[in-house]
Amino acid sequence: MSQRERAIALGAAIREAREKAGLSQEEVARRVDLPPMSYGSIERGRLLPSVSTLTRLCVMLKIDPDNLPDLQDVRD
């Protein structure tokens, strides 16, 4: 899987969890201390989050990291 494909798959998983939680992009961005534009780019698969950002998103959205797409190339 290419880095772009990983970013798209990860973004879709995060968007699904956000929608399931009934939250807006702006609310999630605020809660994990990200600019809304950056968070939107993550959901659209245009930006891979750092490990620390991904960790905050998983905790906030109650995502099990083991259920996320293969992320071996995510930057620190």
PDB file of N, CA and C in Angstrom:
ATOM      1  N   MET A   1       0.858  -1.173   0.000  1.00  0.00           N
ATOM      2  CA  MET A   1       0.000   0.000   0.000  1.00  0.00           C
ATOM      3  C   MET A   1       0.904   1.235   0.000  1.00  0.00           C
ATOM      4  N   SER A   2       0.615   2.177  -0.885  1.00  0.00           N
ATOM      5  CA  SER A   2       1.420   3.397  -0.953  1.00  0.00           C
ATOM      6  C   SER A   2       1.088   4.325   0.215  1.00  0.00           C
ATOM      7  N   GLN A   3       1.945   5.299   0.432  1.00  0.00           N
ATOM      8  CA  GLN A   3       1.703   6.261   1.513  1.00  0.00           C
ATOM      9  C   GLN A   3       0.394   7.008   1.269  1.00  0.00           C
ATOM     10  N   ARG A   4       0.104   7.343   0.024  1.00  0.00           N
ATOM     11  CA  ARG A   4      -1.144   8.039  -0.316  1.00  0.00           C
ATOM     12  C   ARG A   4      -2.347   7.154   0.012  1.00  0.00           C
ATOM     13  N   GLU A   5      -2.266   5.887  -0.348  1.00  0.00           N
ATOM     14  CA  GLU A   5      -3.365   4.963  -0.053  1.00  0.00           C
ATOM     15  C   GLU A   5      -3.555   4.803   1.452  1.00  0.00           C
ATOM     16  N   ARG A   6      -2.457   4.769   2.196  1.00  0.00           N
ATOM     17  CA  ARG A   6      -2.551   4.691   3.662  1.00  0.00           C
ATOM     18  C   ARG A   6      -3.242   5.931   4.220  1.00  0.00           C
ATOM     19  N   ALA A   7      -2.850   7.088   3.712  1.00  0.00           N
ATOM     20  CA  ALA A   7      -3.437   8.344   4.189  1.00  0.00           C
ATOM     21  C   ALA A   7      -4.936   8.372   3.922  1.00  0.00           C
ATOM     22  N   ILE A   8      -5.344   7.917   2.745  1.00  0.00           N
ATOM     23  CA  ILE A   8      -6.771   7.898   2.403  1.00  0.00           C
ATOM     24  C   ILE A   8      -7.527   6.925   3.305  1.00  0.00           C
ATOM     25  N   ALA A   9      -6.981   5.729   3.503  1.00  0.00           N
ATOM     26  CA  ALA A   9      -7.640   4.733   4.350  1.00  0.00           C
ATOM     27  C   ALA A   9      -7.722   5.206   5.799  1.00  0.00           C
ATOM     28  N   LEU A  10      -6.650   5.801   6.286  1.00  0.00           N
ATOM     29  CA  LEU A  10      -6.643   6.317   7.654  1.00  0.00           C
ATOM     30  C   LEU A  10      -7.660   7.444   7.807  1.00  0.00           C
ATOM     31  N   GLY A  11      -7.676   8.360   6.857  1.00  0.00           N
ATOM     32  CA  GLY A  11      -8.631   9.465   6.902  1.00  0.00           C
ATOM     33  C   GLY A  11     -10.065   8.976   6.928  1.00  0.00           C
ATOM     34  N   ALA A  12     -10.361   7.963   6.126  1.00  0.00           N
ATOM     35  CA  ALA A  12     -11.715   7.409   6.098  1.00  0.00           C
ATOM     36  C   ALA A  12     -12.081   6.786   7.444  1.00  0.00           C
ATOM     37  N   ALA A  13     -11.138   6.088   8.063  1.00  0.00           N
ATOM     38  CA  ALA A  13     -11.398   5.473   9.372  1.00  0.00           C
ATOM     39  C   ALA A  13     -11.639   6.538  10.440  1.00  0.00           C
ATOM     40  N   ILE A  14     -10.871   7.606  10.393  1.00  0.00           N
ATOM     41  CA  ILE A  14     -11.035   8.692  11.366  1.00  0.00           C
ATOM     42  C   ILE A  14     -12.367   9.400  11.143  1.00  0.00           C
ATOM     43  N   ARG A  15     -12.703   9.673   9.885  1.00  0.00           N
ATOM     44  CA  ARG A  15     -13.984  10.322   9.574  1.00  0.00           C
ATOM     45  C   ARG A  15     -15.152   9.463  10.057  1.00  0.00           C
ATOM     46  N   GLU A  16     -15.078   8.159   9.809  1.00  0.00           N
ATOM     47  CA  GLU A  16     -16.142   7.255  10.246  1.00  0.00           C
ATOM     48  C   GLU A  16     -16.314   7.304  11.764  1.00  0.00           C
ATOM     49  N   ALA A  17     -15.213   7.286  12.496  1.00  0.00           N
ATOM     50  CA  ALA A  17     -15.283   7.346  13.961  1.00  0.00           C
ATOM     51  C   ALA A  17     -15.849   8.683  14.429  1.00  0.00           C
ATOM     52  N   ARG A  18     -15.457   9.766  13.768  1.00  0.00           N
ATOM     53  CA  ARG A  18     -15.969  11.096  14.139  1.00  0.00           C
ATOM     54  C   ARG A  18     -17.470  11.170  13.918  1.00  0.00           C
ATOM     55  N   GLU A  19     -17.917  10.695  12.755  1.00  0.00           N
ATOM     56  CA  GLU A  19     -19.349  10.734  12.451  1.00  0.00           C
ATOM     57  C   GLU A  19     -20.137   9.849  13.414  1.00  0.00           C
ATOM     58  N   LYS A  20     -19.589   8.694  13.738  1.00  0.00           N
ATOM     59  CA  LYS A  20     -20.239   7.797  14.696  1.00  0.00           C
ATOM     60  C   LYS A  20     -20.381   8.475  16.056  1.00  0.00           C
ATOM     61  N   ALA A  21     -19.385   9.291  16.422  1.00  0.00           N
ATOM     62  CA  ALA A  21     -19.424  10.011  17.699  1.00  0.00           C
ATOM     63  C   ALA A  21     -20.329  11.244  17.636  1.00  0.00           C
ATOM     64  N   GLY A  22     -20.799  11.596  16.442  1.00  0.00           N
ATOM     65  CA  GLY A  22     -21.686  12.745  16.295  1.00  0.00           C
ATOM     66  C   GLY A  22     -20.987  14.084  16.465  1.00  0.00           C
ATOM     67  N   LEU A  23     -19.721  14.146  16.095  1.00  0.00           N
ATOM     68  CA  LEU A  23     -18.933  15.366  16.263  1.00  0.00           C
ATOM     69  C   LEU A  23     -18.628  16.009  14.918  1.00  0.00           C
ATOM     70  N   SER A  24     -18.446  17.315  14.938  1.00  0.00           N
ATOM     71  CA  SER A  24     -18.033  18.036  13.733  1.00  0.00           C
ATOM     72  C   SER A  24     -16.512  17.983  13.610  1.00  0.00           C
ATOM     73  N   GLN A  25     -16.024  18.257  12.409  1.00  0.00           N
ATOM     74  CA  GLN A  25     -14.577  18.339  12.213  1.00  0.00           C
ATOM     75  C   GLN A  25     -13.978  19.404  13.125  1.00  0.00           C
ATOM     76  N   GLU A  26     -14.654  20.532  13.243  1.00  0.00           N
ATOM     77  CA  GLU A  26     -14.147  21.631  14.060  1.00  0.00           C
ATOM     78  C   GLU A  26     -14.027  21.232  15.525  1.00  0.00           C
ATOM     79  N   GLU A  27     -15.004  20.478  16.019  1.00  0.00           N
ATOM     80  CA  GLU A  27     -14.975  20.044  17.422  1.00  0.00           C
ATOM     81  C   GLU A  27     -13.809  19.085  17.673  1.00  0.00           C
ATOM     82  N   VAL A  28     -13.624  18.140  16.780  1.00  0.00           N
ATOM     83  CA  VAL A  28     -12.510  17.199  16.944  1.00  0.00           C
ATOM     84  C   VAL A  28     -11.187  17.949  16.874  1.00  0.00           C
ATOM     85  N   ALA A  29     -11.049  18.831  15.895  1.00  0.00           N
ATOM     86  CA  ALA A  29      -9.808  19.605  15.749  1.00  0.00           C
ATOM     87  C   ALA A  29      -9.508  20.380  17.029  1.00  0.00           C
ATOM     88  N   ARG A  30     -10.520  21.001  17.598  1.00  0.00           N
ATOM     89  CA  ARG A  30     -10.329  21.772  18.829  1.00  0.00           C
ATOM     90  C   ARG A  30      -9.890  20.865  19.972  1.00  0.00           C
ATOM     91  N   ARG A  31     -10.533  19.725  20.101  1.00  0.00           N
ATOM     92  CA  ARG A  31     -10.237  18.816  21.211  1.00  0.00           C
ATOM     93  C   ARG A  31      -8.839  18.201  21.135  1.00  0.00           C
ATOM     94  N   VAL A  32      -8.309  18.051  19.928  1.00  0.00           N
ATOM     95  CA  VAL A  32      -6.962  17.465  19.798  1.00  0.00           C
ATOM     96  C   VAL A  32      -5.922  18.528  19.468  1.00  0.00           C
ATOM     97  N   ASP A  33      -6.328  19.784  19.566  1.00  0.00           N
ATOM     98  CA  ASP A  33      -5.417  20.915  19.396  1.00  0.00           C
ATOM     99  C   ASP A  33      -4.753  20.939  18.016  1.00  0.00           C
ATOM    100  N   LEU A  34      -5.601  20.866  16.984  1.00  0.00           N
ATOM    101  CA  LEU A  34      -5.142  20.963  15.598  1.00  0.00           C
ATOM    102  C   LEU A  34      -5.886  22.091  14.904  1.00  0.00           C
ATOM    103  N   PRO A  35      -5.260  22.762  13.956  1.00  0.00           N
ATOM    104  CA  PRO A  35      -6.016  23.706  13.135  1.00  0.00           C
ATOM    105  C   PRO A  35      -7.084  22.926  12.360  1.00  0.00           C
ATOM    106  N   PRO A  36      -8.299  23.455  12.262  1.00  0.00           N
ATOM    107  CA  PRO A  36      -9.361  22.742  11.541  1.00  0.00           C
ATOM    108  C   PRO A  36      -8.963  22.354  10.115  1.00  0.00           C
ATOM    109  N   MET A  37      -8.201  23.197   9.450  1.00  0.00           N
ATOM    110  CA  MET A  37      -7.782  22.894   8.083  1.00  0.00           C
ATOM    111  C   MET A  37      -6.879  21.651   8.056  1.00  0.00           C
ATOM    112  N   SER A  38      -5.998  21.523   9.031  1.00  0.00           N
ATOM    113  CA  SER A  38      -5.121  20.349   9.103  1.00  0.00           C
ATOM    114  C   SER A  38      -5.929  19.086   9.385  1.00  0.00           C
ATOM    115  N   TYR A  39      -6.881  19.198  10.298  1.00  0.00           N
ATOM    116  CA  TYR A  39      -7.713  18.034  10.596  1.00  0.00           C
ATOM    117  C   TYR A  39      -8.492  17.607   9.355  1.00  0.00           C
ATOM    118  N   GLY A  40      -9.055  18.567   8.642  1.00  0.00           N
ATOM    119  CA  GLY A  40      -9.781  18.251   7.411  1.00  0.00           C
ATOM    120  C   GLY A  40      -8.887  17.560   6.395  1.00  0.00           C
ATOM    121  N   SER A  41      -7.646  17.986   6.312  1.00  0.00           N
ATOM    122  CA  SER A  41      -6.691  17.357   5.388  1.00  0.00           C
ATOM    123  C   SER A  41      -6.396  15.914   5.787  1.00  0.00           C
ATOM    124  N   ILE A  42      -6.386  15.643   7.074  1.00  0.00           N
ATOM    125  CA  ILE A  42      -6.188  14.263   7.543  1.00  0.00           C
ATOM    126  C   ILE A  42      -7.370  13.406   7.101  1.00  0.00           C
ATOM    127  N   GLU A  43      -8.586  13.891   7.325  1.00  0.00           N
ATOM    128  CA  GLU A  43      -9.771  13.123   6.942  1.00  0.00           C
ATOM    129  C   GLU A  43      -9.832  12.884   5.436  1.00  0.00           C
ATOM    130  N   ARG A  44      -9.379  13.835   4.652  1.00  0.00           N
ATOM    131  CA  ARG A  44      -9.414  13.700   3.190  1.00  0.00           C
ATOM    132  C   ARG A  44      -8.238  12.904   2.639  1.00  0.00           C
ATOM    133  N   GLY A  45      -7.337  12.471   3.511  1.00  0.00           N
ATOM    134  CA  GLY A  45      -6.212  11.671   3.063  1.00  0.00           C
ATOM    135  C   GLY A  45      -5.112  12.466   2.403  1.00  0.00           C
ATOM    136  N   ARG A  46      -5.079  13.751   2.658  1.00  0.00           N
ATOM    137  CA  ARG A  46      -4.042  14.606   2.083  1.00  0.00           C
ATOM    138  C   ARG A  46      -2.868  14.805   3.029  1.00  0.00           C
ATOM    139  N   LEU A  47      -3.034  14.395   4.277  1.00  0.00           N
ATOM    140  CA  LEU A  47      -2.005  14.601   5.292  1.00  0.00           C
ATOM    141  C   LEU A  47      -2.005  13.414   6.248  1.00  0.00           C
ATOM    142  N   LEU A  48      -0.832  12.828   6.456  1.00  0.00           N
ATOM    143  CA  LEU A  48      -0.702  11.794   7.482  1.00  0.00           C
ATOM    144  C   LEU A  48      -0.384  12.480   8.804  1.00  0.00           C
ATOM    145  N   PRO A  49      -1.112  12.153   9.857  1.00  0.00           N
ATOM    146  CA  PRO A  49      -0.836  12.784  11.151  1.00  0.00           C
ATOM    147  C   PRO A  49       0.453  12.250  11.762  1.00  0.00           C
ATOM    148  N   SER A  50       1.034  13.044  12.636  1.00  0.00           N
ATOM    149  CA  SER A  50       2.181  12.563  13.413  1.00  0.00           C
ATOM    150  C   SER A  50       1.687  11.473  14.358  1.00  0.00           C
ATOM    151  N   VAL A  51       2.600  10.736  14.922  1.00  0.00           N
ATOM    152  CA  VAL A  51       2.233   9.683  15.868  1.00  0.00           C
ATOM    153  C   VAL A  51       1.503  10.284  17.067  1.00  0.00           C
ATOM    154  N   SER A  52       1.981  11.414  17.567  1.00  0.00           N
ATOM    155  CA  SER A  52       1.326  12.026  18.737  1.00  0.00           C
ATOM    156  C   SER A  52      -0.088  12.490  18.391  1.00  0.00           C
ATOM    157  N   THR A  53      -0.276  13.052  17.208  1.00  0.00           N
ATOM    158  CA  THR A  53      -1.618  13.480  16.794  1.00  0.00           C
ATOM    159  C   THR A  53      -2.520  12.271  16.613  1.00  0.00           C
ATOM    160  N   LEU A  54      -2.005  11.235  15.984  1.00  0.00           N
ATOM    161  CA  LEU A  54      -2.798  10.025  15.784  1.00  0.00           C
ATOM    162  C   LEU A  54      -3.192   9.416  17.127  1.00  0.00           C
ATOM    163  N   THR A  55      -2.293   9.430  18.079  1.00  0.00           N
ATOM    164  CA  THR A  55      -2.600   8.916  19.416  1.00  0.00           C
ATOM    165  C   THR A  55      -3.729   9.718  20.052  1.00  0.00           C
ATOM    166  N   ARG A  56      -3.646  11.048  19.971  1.00  0.00           N
ATOM    167  CA  ARG A  56      -4.711  11.899  20.533  1.00  0.00           C
ATOM    168  C   ARG A  56      -6.050  11.626  19.844  1.00  0.00           C
ATOM    169  N   LEU A  57      -6.021  11.454  18.528  1.00  0.00           N
ATOM    170  CA  LEU A  57      -7.257  11.165  17.794  1.00  0.00           C
ATOM    171  C   LEU A  57      -7.841   9.821  18.218  1.00  0.00           C
ATOM    172  N   CYS A  58      -6.997   8.815  18.354  1.00  0.00           N
ATOM    173  CA  CYS A  58      -7.478   7.494  18.773  1.00  0.00           C
ATOM    174  C   CYS A  58      -8.118   7.544  20.155  1.00  0.00           C
ATOM    175  N   VAL A  59      -7.494   8.242  21.067  1.00  0.00           N
ATOM    176  CA  VAL A  59      -8.044   8.353  22.422  1.00  0.00           C
ATOM    177  C   VAL A  59      -9.368   9.113  22.387  1.00  0.00           C
ATOM    178  N   MET A  60      -9.376  10.251  21.715  1.00  0.00           N
ATOM    179  CA  MET A  60     -10.567  11.102  21.697  1.00  0.00           C
ATOM    180  C   MET A  60     -11.746  10.438  20.990  1.00  0.00           C
ATOM    181  N   LEU A  61     -11.475   9.733  19.894  1.00  0.00           N
ATOM    182  CA  LEU A  61     -12.545   9.122  19.104  1.00  0.00           C
ATOM    183  C   LEU A  61     -12.772   7.650  19.457  1.00  0.00           C
ATOM    184  N   LYS A  62     -12.044   7.165  20.469  1.00  0.00           N
ATOM    185  CA  LYS A  62     -12.178   5.778  20.929  1.00  0.00           C
ATOM    186  C   LYS A  62     -11.936   4.792  19.786  1.00  0.00           C
ATOM    187  N   ILE A  63     -10.824   5.024  19.079  1.00  0.00           N
ATOM    188  CA  ILE A  63     -10.416   4.145  17.983  1.00  0.00           C
ATOM    189  C   ILE A  63      -9.351   3.192  18.512  1.00  0.00           C
ATOM    190  N   ASP A  64      -9.522   1.914  18.234  1.00  0.00           N
ATOM    191  CA  ASP A  64      -8.488   0.934  18.577  1.00  0.00           C
ATOM    192  C   ASP A  64      -7.419   1.000  17.488  1.00  0.00           C
ATOM    193  N   PRO A  65      -6.201   1.411  17.822  1.00  0.00           N
ATOM    194  CA  PRO A  65      -5.154   1.530  16.802  1.00  0.00           C
ATOM    195  C   PRO A  65      -4.904   0.236  16.031  1.00  0.00           C
ATOM    196  N   ASP A  66      -5.191  -0.906  16.646  1.00  0.00           N
ATOM    197  CA  ASP A  66      -5.006  -2.183  15.959  1.00  0.00           C
ATOM    198  C   ASP A  66      -5.973  -2.356  14.791  1.00  0.00           C
ATOM    199  N   ASN A  67      -7.053  -1.563  14.775  1.00  0.00           N
ATOM    200  CA  ASN A  67      -8.037  -1.656  13.701  1.00  0.00           C
ATOM    201  C   ASN A  67      -7.787  -0.651  12.584  1.00  0.00           C
ATOM    202  N   LEU A  68      -6.716   0.121  12.693  1.00  0.00           N
ATOM    203  CA  LEU A  68      -6.396   1.110  11.662  1.00  0.00           C
ATOM    204  C   LEU A  68      -5.604   0.458  10.535  1.00  0.00           C
ATOM    205  N   PRO A  69      -5.624   1.084   9.352  1.00  0.00           N
ATOM    206  CA  PRO A  69      -4.818   0.560   8.240  1.00  0.00           C
ATOM    207  C   PRO A  69      -3.339   0.500   8.621  1.00  0.00           C
ATOM    208  N   ASP A  70      -2.578  -0.304   7.905  1.00  0.00           N
ATOM    209  CA  ASP A  70      -1.130  -0.430   8.127  1.00  0.00           C
ATOM    210  C   ASP A  70      -0.481   0.938   8.039  1.00  0.00           C
ATOM    211  N   LEU A  71       0.179   1.353   9.111  1.00  0.00           N
ATOM    212  CA  LEU A  71       0.729   2.711   9.179  1.00  0.00           C
ATOM    213  C   LEU A  71       2.233   2.718   9.396  1.00  0.00           C
ATOM    214  N   GLN A  72       2.939   1.733   8.904  1.00  0.00           N
ATOM    215  CA  GLN A  72       4.368   1.657   9.194  1.00  0.00           C
ATOM    216  C   GLN A  72       5.143   2.883   8.737  1.00  0.00           C
ATOM    217  N   ASP A  73       4.630   3.659   7.788  1.00  0.00           N
ATOM    218  CA  ASP A  73       5.359   4.823   7.294  1.00  0.00           C
ATOM    219  C   ASP A  73       4.924   6.143   7.920  1.00  0.00           C
ATOM    220  N   VAL A  74       4.043   6.106   8.921  1.00  0.00           N
ATOM    221  CA  VAL A  74       3.610   7.357   9.553  1.00  0.00           C
ATOM    222  C   VAL A  74       4.810   8.009  10.215  1.00  0.00           C
ATOM    223  N   ARG A  75       4.951   9.307   9.999  1.00  0.00           N
ATOM    224  CA  ARG A  75       6.118  10.013  10.536  1.00  0.00           C
ATOM    225  C   ARG A  75       5.944  10.303  12.013  1.00  0.00           C
ATOM    226  N   ASP A  76       7.042  10.477  12.720  1.00  0.00           N
ATOM    227  CA  ASP A  76       7.030  10.820  14.151  1.00  0.00           C
ATOM    228  C   ASP A  76       6.989  12.306  14.322  1.00  0.00           C
TER     229      ASP A  76
END
